[in-house]
Amino acid sequence: MRTNNSLEGCNNKFNGDLQSMHPSLWKFIDKLKDFDESVYSDMLQWIDEKEPYSSKHWQQVEAQKMAAVRSQPNV
């Protein structure tokens, strides 16, 4: 499932990694560690001024949103 909200996308990614509604405590901890490493990796890329990988479609959507914001007069 694709979302256009970064928080929903993050939540969907984490829930997709768990693959069950009620995982065991150890499986939850394992997946939480994996998720943390993924987020940390993205953060390091942002610090190095590199964008984490995203598909061309979502890059175009973001460019359209930025163009719309820039076209509006300052309030």
N, C-alpha and C. Protein backbone atom coordinates (compact mmCIF):
# COMPACT_ATOMS: atom_id res chain seq x y z
N MET A 1 0.83 -1.17 0.00
CA MET A 1 0.00 0.00 0.00
C MET A 1 0.89 1.25 0.00
N ARG A 2 0.57 2.19 -0.89
CA ARG A 2 1.33 3.42 -0.98
C ARG A 2 0.58 4.53 -0.26
N THR A 3 1.32 5.42 0.38
CA THR A 3 0.69 6.57 1.02
C THR A 3 1.44 7.82 0.60
N ASN A 4 0.82 8.96 0.79
CA ASN A 4 1.50 10.21 0.48
C ASN A 4 1.86 10.96 1.76
N ASN A 5 1.65 10.34 2.89
CA ASN A 5 1.99 10.94 4.16
C ASN A 5 3.18 10.17 4.72
N SER A 6 4.25 10.89 5.05
CA SER A 6 5.47 10.20 5.48
C SER A 6 5.26 9.41 6.77
N LEU A 7 4.43 9.91 7.69
CA LEU A 7 4.20 9.16 8.92
C LEU A 7 3.40 7.89 8.66
N GLU A 8 2.42 7.98 7.78
CA GLU A 8 1.65 6.77 7.43
C GLU A 8 2.56 5.76 6.74
N GLY A 9 3.43 6.25 5.87
CA GLY A 9 4.36 5.36 5.19
C GLY A 9 5.30 4.66 6.16
N CYS A 10 5.77 5.40 7.14
CA CYS A 10 6.66 4.83 8.17
C CYS A 10 5.91 3.77 8.97
N ASN A 11 4.67 4.07 9.35
CA ASN A 11 3.85 3.11 10.09
C ASN A 11 3.58 1.86 9.26
N ASN A 12 3.25 2.05 7.99
CA ASN A 12 2.98 0.90 7.12
C ASN A 12 4.22 0.03 6.95
N LYS A 13 5.37 0.68 6.84
CA LYS A 13 6.62 -0.09 6.69
C LYS A 13 6.87 -0.94 7.93
N PHE A 14 6.70 -0.34 9.10
CA PHE A 14 6.94 -1.09 10.34
C PHE A 14 5.93 -2.23 10.49
N ASN A 15 4.65 -1.95 10.23
CA ASN A 15 3.64 -3.00 10.33
C ASN A 15 3.87 -4.10 9.31
N GLY A 16 4.34 -3.74 8.12
CA GLY A 16 4.63 -4.73 7.10
C GLY A 16 5.78 -5.64 7.50
N ASP A 17 6.75 -5.07 8.21
CA ASP A 17 7.88 -5.87 8.67
C ASP A 17 7.45 -6.89 9.72
N LEU A 18 6.48 -6.55 10.55
CA LEU A 18 6.04 -7.47 11.60
C LEU A 18 5.30 -8.68 11.03
N GLN A 19 4.51 -8.50 10.01
CA GLN A 19 3.79 -9.56 9.31
C GLN A 19 2.82 -10.34 10.19
N SER A 20 2.47 -9.82 11.34
CA SER A 20 1.43 -10.46 12.15
C SER A 20 0.89 -9.42 13.13
N MET A 21 -0.32 -9.62 13.56
CA MET A 21 -0.96 -8.66 14.46
C MET A 21 -0.41 -8.75 15.88
N HIS A 22 -0.03 -9.94 16.32
CA HIS A 22 0.43 -10.14 17.69
C HIS A 22 1.73 -10.94 17.70
N PRO A 23 2.85 -10.31 17.34
CA PRO A 23 4.13 -11.04 17.32
C PRO A 23 4.60 -11.32 18.75
N SER A 24 5.48 -12.30 18.86
CA SER A 24 6.08 -12.56 20.17
C SER A 24 6.97 -11.37 20.54
N LEU A 25 7.28 -11.25 21.81
CA LEU A 25 8.09 -10.13 22.29
C LEU A 25 9.44 -10.11 21.58
N TRP A 26 10.06 -11.27 21.40
CA TRP A 26 11.39 -11.33 20.81
C TRP A 26 11.35 -10.96 19.33
N LYS A 27 10.30 -11.39 18.64
CA LYS A 27 10.17 -11.03 17.24
C LYS A 27 9.95 -9.52 17.11
N PHE A 28 9.13 -8.95 18.01
CA PHE A 28 8.88 -7.51 18.00
C PHE A 28 10.19 -6.75 18.22
N ILE A 29 10.98 -7.16 19.20
CA ILE A 29 12.25 -6.50 19.48
C ILE A 29 13.19 -6.60 18.29
N ASP A 30 13.25 -7.78 17.68
CA ASP A 30 14.09 -7.98 16.49
C ASP A 30 13.70 -7.03 15.36
N LYS A 31 12.41 -6.96 15.08
CA LYS A 31 11.93 -6.10 14.00
C LYS A 31 12.10 -4.62 14.35
N LEU A 32 11.97 -4.28 15.62
CA LEU A 32 12.18 -2.90 16.05
C LEU A 32 13.63 -2.50 15.83
N LYS A 33 14.56 -3.39 16.11
CA LYS A 33 15.98 -3.11 15.86
C LYS A 33 16.24 -2.91 14.36
N ASP A 34 15.66 -3.79 13.53
CA ASP A 34 15.83 -3.65 12.08
C ASP A 34 15.27 -2.32 11.59
N PHE A 35 14.10 -1.96 12.09
CA PHE A 35 13.47 -0.70 11.70
C PHE A 35 14.33 0.49 12.12
N ASP A 36 14.88 0.44 13.33
CA ASP A 36 15.75 1.50 13.83
C ASP A 36 16.98 1.66 12.95
N GLU A 37 17.57 0.55 12.52
CA GLU A 37 18.74 0.61 11.64
C GLU A 37 18.38 1.25 10.30
N SER A 38 17.21 0.95 9.79
CA SER A 38 16.75 1.52 8.53
C SER A 38 16.58 3.03 8.65
N VAL A 39 15.94 3.47 9.72
CA VAL A 39 15.73 4.90 9.94
C VAL A 39 17.06 5.60 10.16
N TYR A 40 17.96 4.98 10.90
CA TYR A 40 19.28 5.56 11.16
C TYR A 40 20.06 5.70 9.86
N SER A 41 19.96 4.72 8.99
CA SER A 41 20.62 4.78 7.69
C SER A 41 20.11 5.96 6.87
N ASP A 42 18.78 6.14 6.85
CA ASP A 42 18.20 7.28 6.14
C ASP A 42 18.70 8.60 6.74
N MET A 43 18.76 8.65 8.06
CA MET A 43 19.21 9.87 8.73
C MET A 43 20.65 10.20 8.35
N LEU A 44 21.51 9.19 8.30
CA LEU A 44 22.91 9.43 7.91
C LEU A 44 23.00 9.96 6.48
N GLN A 45 22.13 9.46 5.61
CA GLN A 45 22.13 9.97 4.24
C GLN A 45 21.70 11.43 4.20
N TRP A 46 20.71 11.81 5.01
CA TRP A 46 20.28 13.21 5.06
C TRP A 46 21.39 14.09 5.60
N ILE A 47 22.11 13.61 6.61
CA ILE A 47 23.22 14.39 7.17
C ILE A 47 24.29 14.62 6.12
N ASP A 48 24.53 13.61 5.27
CA ASP A 48 25.52 13.74 4.19
C ASP A 48 24.95 14.49 2.98
N GLU A 49 23.75 15.06 3.17
CA GLU A 49 23.06 15.82 2.13
C GLU A 49 22.73 14.98 0.90
N LYS A 50 22.42 13.72 1.14
CA LYS A 50 21.95 12.82 0.09
C LYS A 50 20.51 12.44 0.42
N GLU A 51 19.68 12.37 -0.59
CA GLU A 51 18.31 11.95 -0.38
C GLU A 51 18.25 10.43 -0.35
N PRO A 52 17.54 9.86 0.63
CA PRO A 52 17.34 8.42 0.60
C PRO A 52 16.59 8.03 -0.67
N TYR A 53 16.77 6.83 -1.12
CA TYR A 53 16.17 6.36 -2.37
C TYR A 53 14.66 6.52 -2.34
N SER A 54 14.12 7.04 -3.42
CA SER A 54 12.67 7.04 -3.63
C SER A 54 12.42 6.88 -5.13
N SER A 55 11.29 6.34 -5.47
CA SER A 55 11.00 6.08 -6.88
C SER A 55 10.81 7.38 -7.65
N LYS A 56 10.93 7.31 -8.97
CA LYS A 56 10.75 8.50 -9.81
C LYS A 56 9.37 9.11 -9.62
N HIS A 57 8.37 8.26 -9.48
CA HIS A 57 7.01 8.76 -9.32
C HIS A 57 6.91 9.68 -8.11
N TRP A 58 7.44 9.24 -6.97
CA TRP A 58 7.33 10.05 -5.75
C TRP A 58 8.23 11.26 -5.81
N GLN A 59 9.33 11.19 -6.55
CA GLN A 59 10.16 12.38 -6.74
C GLN A 59 9.39 13.42 -7.53
N GLN A 60 8.64 12.98 -8.55
CA GLN A 60 7.83 13.91 -9.35
C GLN A 60 6.71 14.51 -8.52
N VAL A 61 6.08 13.71 -7.68
CA VAL A 61 5.01 14.22 -6.83
C VAL A 61 5.55 15.29 -5.89
N GLU A 62 6.71 15.03 -5.28
CA GLU A 62 7.31 16.01 -4.38
C GLU A 62 7.68 17.29 -5.13
N ALA A 63 8.19 17.16 -6.35
CA ALA A 63 8.54 18.33 -7.15
C ALA A 63 7.30 19.15 -7.47
N GLN A 64 6.19 18.49 -7.78
CA GLN A 64 4.94 19.20 -8.05
C GLN A 64 4.44 19.93 -6.81
N LYS A 65 4.55 19.29 -5.66
CA LYS A 65 4.12 19.95 -4.42
C LYS A 65 4.97 21.18 -4.13
N MET A 66 6.28 21.06 -4.31
CA MET A 66 7.17 22.19 -4.07
C MET A 66 6.89 23.32 -5.04
N ALA A 67 6.60 23.01 -6.29
CA ALA A 67 6.28 24.03 -7.30
C ALA A 67 4.99 24.75 -6.91
N ALA A 68 4.01 24.03 -6.41
CA ALA A 68 2.76 24.63 -6.00
C ALA A 68 2.97 25.57 -4.81
N VAL A 69 3.80 25.16 -3.88
CA VAL A 69 4.08 25.99 -2.71
C VAL A 69 4.84 27.26 -3.14
N ARG A 70 5.81 27.10 -4.00
CA ARG A 70 6.60 28.26 -4.44
C ARG A 70 5.78 29.24 -5.26
N SER A 71 4.74 28.77 -5.94
CA SER A 71 3.93 29.65 -6.77
C SER A 71 2.98 30.53 -5.96
N GLN A 72 2.79 30.18 -4.69
CA GLN A 72 1.89 30.96 -3.84
C GLN A 72 2.61 32.19 -3.28
N PRO A 73 1.90 33.33 -3.23
CA PRO A 73 2.52 34.54 -2.65
C PRO A 73 2.75 34.32 -1.14
N ASN A 74 3.76 34.98 -0.64
CA ASN A 74 4.03 34.88 0.81
C ASN A 74 2.90 35.53 1.58
N VAL A 75 2.49 34.84 2.62
CA VAL A 75 1.35 35.34 3.42
C VAL A 75 1.87 36.08 4.63
